[in-house]
Amino acid sequence: MIGVNDILLPGMIVRHPDQPDWGEGQVQSTIGGRITVNFREAGKQVIDGERVGLTLVSAG
């Protein structure tokens, strides 16, 4: 089954479902299941796409 993480591209806007206080974030890169996102309130975070399913807000 394909999830949102599988279609993320740089520039897309996402939210972390377990960290709503981080606000929206812009995808910087996706490499081997690791997704780097620059969140408005938490800065740059590297997300393990195997463990966390991000929520797509906008395709950028």
PDB file of N, CA and C in Angstrom:
ATOM      1  N   MET A   1       0.841  -1.183   0.000  1.00  0.00           N
ATOM      2  CA  MET A   1       0.000   0.000   0.000  1.00  0.00           C
ATOM      3  C   MET A   1       0.889   1.250   0.000  1.00  0.00           C
ATOM      4  N   ILE A   2       0.555   2.197  -0.837  1.00  0.00           N
ATOM      5  CA  ILE A   2       1.324   3.437  -0.935  1.00  0.00           C
ATOM      6  C   ILE A   2       0.728   4.454   0.029  1.00  0.00           C
ATOM      7  N   GLY A   3       1.594   5.060   0.841  1.00  0.00           N
ATOM      8  CA  GLY A   3       1.163   6.090   1.775  1.00  0.00           C
ATOM      9  C   GLY A   3       1.612   7.455   1.297  1.00  0.00           C
ATOM     10  N   VAL A   4       1.216   8.476   2.031  1.00  0.00           N
ATOM     11  CA  VAL A   4       1.579   9.852   1.674  1.00  0.00           C
ATOM     12  C   VAL A   4       3.089  10.005   1.623  1.00  0.00           C
ATOM     13  N   ASN A   5       3.816   9.391   2.555  1.00  0.00           N
ATOM     14  CA  ASN A   5       5.270   9.534   2.581  1.00  0.00           C
ATOM     15  C   ASN A   5       5.915   9.089   1.268  1.00  0.00           C
ATOM     16  N   ASP A   6       5.290   8.155   0.578  1.00  0.00           N
ATOM     17  CA  ASP A   6       5.849   7.625  -0.664  1.00  0.00           C
ATOM     18  C   ASP A   6       5.748   8.604  -1.838  1.00  0.00           C
ATOM     19  N   ILE A   7       4.911   9.613  -1.710  1.00  0.00           N
ATOM     20  CA  ILE A   7       4.734  10.562  -2.823  1.00  0.00           C
ATOM     21  C   ILE A   7       5.247  11.966  -2.492  1.00  0.00           C
ATOM     22  N   LEU A   8       5.860  12.132  -1.309  1.00  0.00           N
ATOM     23  CA  LEU A   8       6.337  13.459  -0.919  1.00  0.00           C
ATOM     24  C   LEU A   8       7.508  13.903  -1.778  1.00  0.00           C
ATOM     25  N   LEU A   9       7.471  15.173  -2.138  1.00  0.00           N
ATOM     26  CA  LEU A   9       8.533  15.796  -2.920  1.00  0.00           C
ATOM     27  C   LEU A   9       8.948  17.101  -2.243  1.00  0.00           C
ATOM     28  N   PRO A  10      10.179  17.536  -2.470  1.00  0.00           N
ATOM     29  CA  PRO A  10      10.603  18.820  -1.915  1.00  0.00           C
ATOM     30  C   PRO A  10       9.632  19.939  -2.294  1.00  0.00           C
ATOM     31  N   GLY A  11       9.328  20.780  -1.314  1.00  0.00           N
ATOM     32  CA  GLY A  11       8.415  21.895  -1.529  1.00  0.00           C
ATOM     33  C   GLY A  11       7.008  21.642  -1.011  1.00  0.00           C
ATOM     34  N   MET A  12       6.635  20.369  -0.835  1.00  0.00           N
ATOM     35  CA  MET A  12       5.303  20.061  -0.319  1.00  0.00           C
ATOM     36  C   MET A  12       5.211  20.455   1.154  1.00  0.00           C
ATOM     37  N   ILE A  13       4.005  20.826   1.584  1.00  0.00           N
ATOM     38  CA  ILE A  13       3.756  21.240   2.955  1.00  0.00           C
ATOM     39  C   ILE A  13       3.073  20.097   3.705  1.00  0.00           C
ATOM     40  N   VAL A  14       3.613  19.777   4.888  1.00  0.00           N
ATOM     41  CA  VAL A  14       3.110  18.649   5.672  1.00  0.00           C
ATOM     42  C   VAL A  14       2.946  19.041   7.138  1.00  0.00           C
ATOM     43  N   ARG A  15       2.310  18.160   7.884  1.00  0.00           N
ATOM     44  CA  ARG A  15       2.214  18.253   9.340  1.00  0.00           C
ATOM     45  C   ARG A  15       2.624  16.903   9.923  1.00  0.00           C
ATOM     46  N   HIS A  16       3.186  16.944  11.122  1.00  0.00           N
ATOM     47  CA  HIS A  16       3.533  15.722  11.853  1.00  0.00           C
ATOM     48  C   HIS A  16       2.331  15.390  12.733  1.00  0.00           C
ATOM     49  N   PRO A  17       1.720  14.209  12.583  1.00  0.00           N
ATOM     50  CA  PRO A  17       0.490  13.903  13.313  1.00  0.00           C
ATOM     51  C   PRO A  17       0.657  13.848  14.830  1.00  0.00           C
ATOM     52  N   ASP A  18       1.860  13.564  15.306  1.00  0.00           N
ATOM     53  CA  ASP A  18       2.089  13.464  16.751  1.00  0.00           C
ATOM     54  C   ASP A  18       2.675  14.731  17.357  1.00  0.00           C
ATOM     55  N   GLN A  19       2.947  15.732  16.531  1.00  0.00           N
ATOM     56  CA  GLN A  19       3.569  16.981  16.993  1.00  0.00           C
ATOM     57  C   GLN A  19       2.829  18.192  16.422  1.00  0.00           C
ATOM     58  N   PRO A  20       1.566  18.384  16.774  1.00  0.00           N
ATOM     59  CA  PRO A  20       0.810  19.495  16.185  1.00  0.00           C
ATOM     60  C   PRO A  20       1.403  20.866  16.503  1.00  0.00           C
ATOM     61  N   ASP A  21       2.132  20.967  17.611  1.00  0.00           N
ATOM     62  CA  ASP A  21       2.726  22.251  17.987  1.00  0.00           C
ATOM     63  C   ASP A  21       3.889  22.646  17.079  1.00  0.00           C
ATOM     64  N   TRP A  22       4.375  21.723  16.247  1.00  0.00           N
ATOM     65  CA  TRP A  22       5.444  22.042  15.297  1.00  0.00           C
ATOM     66  C   TRP A  22       4.920  22.896  14.146  1.00  0.00           C
ATOM     67  N   GLY A  23       3.612  22.907  13.938  1.00  0.00           N
ATOM     68  CA  GLY A  23       3.024  23.659  12.833  1.00  0.00           C
ATOM     69  C   GLY A  23       3.273  22.967  11.501  1.00  0.00           C
ATOM     70  N   GLU A  24       3.067  23.707  10.448  1.00  0.00           N
ATOM     71  CA  GLU A  24       3.292  23.174   9.104  1.00  0.00           C
ATOM     72  C   GLU A  24       4.776  23.191   8.795  1.00  0.00           C
ATOM     73  N   GLY A  25       5.178  22.251   7.942  1.00  0.00           N
ATOM     74  CA  GLY A  25       6.575  22.191   7.546  1.00  0.00           C
ATOM     75  C   GLY A  25       6.716  21.946   6.060  1.00  0.00           C
ATOM     76  N   GLN A  26       7.818  22.416   5.498  1.00  0.00           N
ATOM     77  CA  GLN A  26       8.094  22.225   4.080  1.00  0.00           C
ATOM     78  C   GLN A  26       9.106  21.103   3.913  1.00  0.00           C
ATOM     79  N   VAL A  27       8.761  20.129   3.080  1.00  0.00           N
ATOM     80  CA  VAL A  27       9.662  19.012   2.805  1.00  0.00           C
ATOM     81  C   VAL A  27      10.906  19.554   2.092  1.00  0.00           C
ATOM     82  N   GLN A  28      12.074  19.201   2.624  1.00  0.00           N
ATOM     83  CA  GLN A  28      13.346  19.609   2.038  1.00  0.00           C
ATOM     84  C   GLN A  28      13.911  18.497   1.150  1.00  0.00           C
ATOM     85  N   SER A  29      13.810  17.235   1.641  1.00  0.00           N
ATOM     86  CA  SER A  29      14.318  16.095   0.865  1.00  0.00           C
ATOM     87  C   SER A  29      13.710  14.798   1.376  1.00  0.00           C
ATOM     88  N   THR A  30      13.731  13.791   0.525  1.00  0.00           N
ATOM     89  CA  THR A  30      13.319  12.435   0.902  1.00  0.00           C
ATOM     90  C   THR A  30      14.374  11.484   0.358  1.00  0.00           C
ATOM     91  N   ILE A  31      15.065  10.805   1.273  1.00  0.00           N
ATOM     92  CA  ILE A  31      16.145   9.898   0.882  1.00  0.00           C
ATOM     93  C   ILE A  31      16.029   8.614   1.686  1.00  0.00           C
ATOM     94  N   GLY A  32      15.752   7.517   0.992  1.00  0.00           N
ATOM     95  CA  GLY A  32      15.722   6.212   1.641  1.00  0.00           C
ATOM     96  C   GLY A  32      14.821   6.120   2.851  1.00  0.00           C
ATOM     97  N   GLY A  33      13.634   6.685   2.783  1.00  0.00           N
ATOM     98  CA  GLY A  33      12.695   6.603   3.902  1.00  0.00           C
ATOM     99  C   GLY A  33      12.894   7.682   4.955  1.00  0.00           C
ATOM    100  N   ARG A  34      13.934   8.475   4.819  1.00  0.00           N
ATOM    101  CA  ARG A  34      14.178   9.584   5.750  1.00  0.00           C
ATOM    102  C   ARG A  34      13.726  10.876   5.071  1.00  0.00           C
ATOM    103  N   ILE A  35      12.865  11.601   5.774  1.00  0.00           N
ATOM    104  CA  ILE A  35      12.268  12.802   5.216  1.00  0.00           C
ATOM    105  C   ILE A  35      12.724  13.998   6.046  1.00  0.00           C
ATOM    106  N   THR A  36      13.384  14.934   5.406  1.00  0.00           N
ATOM    107  CA  THR A  36      13.827  16.144   6.087  1.00  0.00           C
ATOM    108  C   THR A  36      12.789  17.230   5.850  1.00  0.00           C
ATOM    109  N   VAL A  37      12.289  17.778   6.958  1.00  0.00           N
ATOM    110  CA  VAL A  37      11.231  18.779   6.894  1.00  0.00           C
ATOM    111  C   VAL A  37      11.641  19.989   7.728  1.00  0.00           C
ATOM    112  N   ASN A  38      11.419  21.172   7.198  1.00  0.00           N
ATOM    113  CA  ASN A  38      11.675  22.399   7.935  1.00  0.00           C
ATOM    114  C   ASN A  38      10.337  22.899   8.483  1.00  0.00           C
ATOM    115  N   PHE A  39      10.100  22.659   9.795  1.00  0.00           N
ATOM    116  CA  PHE A  39       8.848  23.040  10.432  1.00  0.00           C
ATOM    117  C   PHE A  39       8.922  24.480  10.923  1.00  0.00           C
ATOM    118  N   ARG A  40       7.792  25.159  10.833  1.00  0.00           N
ATOM    119  CA  ARG A  40       7.709  26.564  11.224  1.00  0.00           C
ATOM    120  C   ARG A  40       8.116  26.781  12.681  1.00  0.00           C
ATOM    121  N   GLU A  41       7.675  25.915  13.584  1.00  0.00           N
ATOM    122  CA  GLU A  41       7.921  26.110  15.011  1.00  0.00           C
ATOM    123  C   GLU A  41       9.005  25.201  15.589  1.00  0.00           C
ATOM    124  N   ALA A  42       9.519  24.262  14.821  1.00  0.00           N
ATOM    125  CA  ALA A  42      10.502  23.310  15.360  1.00  0.00           C
ATOM    126  C   ALA A  42      11.782  23.244  14.542  1.00  0.00           C
ATOM    127  N   GLY A  43      11.846  24.012  13.450  1.00  0.00           N
ATOM    128  CA  GLY A  43      13.042  23.995  12.623  1.00  0.00           C
ATOM    129  C   GLY A  43      13.177  22.701  11.830  1.00  0.00           C
ATOM    130  N   LYS A  44      14.391  22.420  11.406  1.00  0.00           N
ATOM    131  CA  LYS A  44      14.651  21.263  10.552  1.00  0.00           C
ATOM    132  C   LYS A  44      14.623  19.976  11.379  1.00  0.00           C
ATOM    133  N   GLN A  45      13.814  19.020  10.920  1.00  0.00           N
ATOM    134  CA  GLN A  45      13.669  17.720  11.588  1.00  0.00           C
ATOM    135  C   GLN A  45      13.803  16.623  10.535  1.00  0.00           C
ATOM    136  N   VAL A  46      14.472  15.535  10.916  1.00  0.00           N
ATOM    137  CA  VAL A  46      14.568  14.367  10.033  1.00  0.00           C
ATOM    138  C   VAL A  46      13.585  13.332  10.565  1.00  0.00           C
ATOM    139  N   ILE A  47      12.634  12.951   9.726  1.00  0.00           N
ATOM    140  CA  ILE A  47      11.553  12.047  10.097  1.00  0.00           C
ATOM    141  C   ILE A  47      11.816  10.666   9.505  1.00  0.00           C
ATOM    142  N   ASP A  48      11.641   9.639  10.319  1.00  0.00           N
ATOM    143  CA  ASP A  48      11.727   8.260   9.842  1.00  0.00           C
ATOM    144  C   ASP A  48      10.382   7.907   9.216  1.00  0.00           C
ATOM    145  N   GLY A  49      10.330   7.886   7.900  1.00  0.00           N
ATOM    146  CA  GLY A  49       9.093   7.630   7.174  1.00  0.00           C
ATOM    147  C   GLY A  49       8.529   6.242   7.372  1.00  0.00           C
ATOM    148  N   GLU A  50       9.322   5.327   7.913  1.00  0.00           N
ATOM    149  CA  GLU A  50       8.830   3.978   8.218  1.00  0.00           C
ATOM    150  C   GLU A  50       8.008   3.971   9.507  1.00  0.00           C
ATOM    151  N   ARG A  51       8.225   4.960  10.363  1.00  0.00           N
ATOM    152  CA  ARG A  51       7.561   5.006  11.669  1.00  0.00           C
ATOM    153  C   ARG A  51       6.469   6.062  11.765  1.00  0.00           C
ATOM    154  N   VAL A  52       6.593   7.134  10.973  1.00  0.00           N
ATOM    155  CA  VAL A  52       5.657   8.252  11.069  1.00  0.00           C
ATOM    156  C   VAL A  52       5.063   8.533   9.698  1.00  0.00           C
ATOM    157  N   GLY A  53       3.750   8.579   9.635  1.00  0.00           N
ATOM    158  CA  GLY A  53       3.060   8.953   8.399  1.00  0.00           C
ATOM    159  C   GLY A  53       2.682  10.418   8.466  1.00  0.00           C
ATOM    160  N   LEU A  54       3.371  11.244   7.709  1.00  0.00           N
ATOM    161  CA  LEU A  54       3.089  12.673   7.706  1.00  0.00           C
ATOM    162  C   LEU A  54       1.746  12.954   7.017  1.00  0.00           C
ATOM    163  N   THR A  55       1.175  14.085   7.346  1.00  0.00           N
ATOM    164  CA  THR A  55      -0.101  14.500   6.756  1.00  0.00           C
ATOM    165  C   THR A  55       0.165  15.583   5.725  1.00  0.00           C
ATOM    166  N   LEU A  56      -0.274  15.358   4.501  1.00  0.00           N
ATOM    167  CA  LEU A  56      -0.072  16.330   3.423  1.00  0.00           C
ATOM    168  C   LEU A  56      -1.056  17.483   3.591  1.00  0.00           C
ATOM    169  N   VAL A  57      -0.546  18.701   3.599  1.00  0.00           N
ATOM    170  CA  VAL A  57      -1.365  19.899   3.699  1.00  0.00           C
ATOM    171  C   VAL A  57      -1.527  20.529   2.323  1.00  0.00           C
ATOM    172  N   SER A  58      -0.411  20.625   1.590  1.00  0.00           N
ATOM    173  CA  SER A  58      -0.445  21.258   0.269  1.00  0.00           C
ATOM    174  C   SER A  58       0.672  20.677  -0.587  1.00  0.00           C
ATOM    175  N   ALA A  59       0.403  20.552  -1.861  1.00  0.00           N
ATOM    176  CA  ALA A  59       1.409  20.036  -2.779  1.00  0.00           C
ATOM    177  C   ALA A  59       2.427  21.109  -3.147  1.00  0.00           C
ATOM    178  N   GLY A  60       2.343  22.256  -2.497  1.00  0.00           N
ATOM    179  CA  GLY A  60       3.336  23.308  -2.677  1.00  0.00           C
ATOM    180  C   GLY A  60       3.108  24.078  -3.908  1.00  0.00           C
TER     181      GLY A  60
END
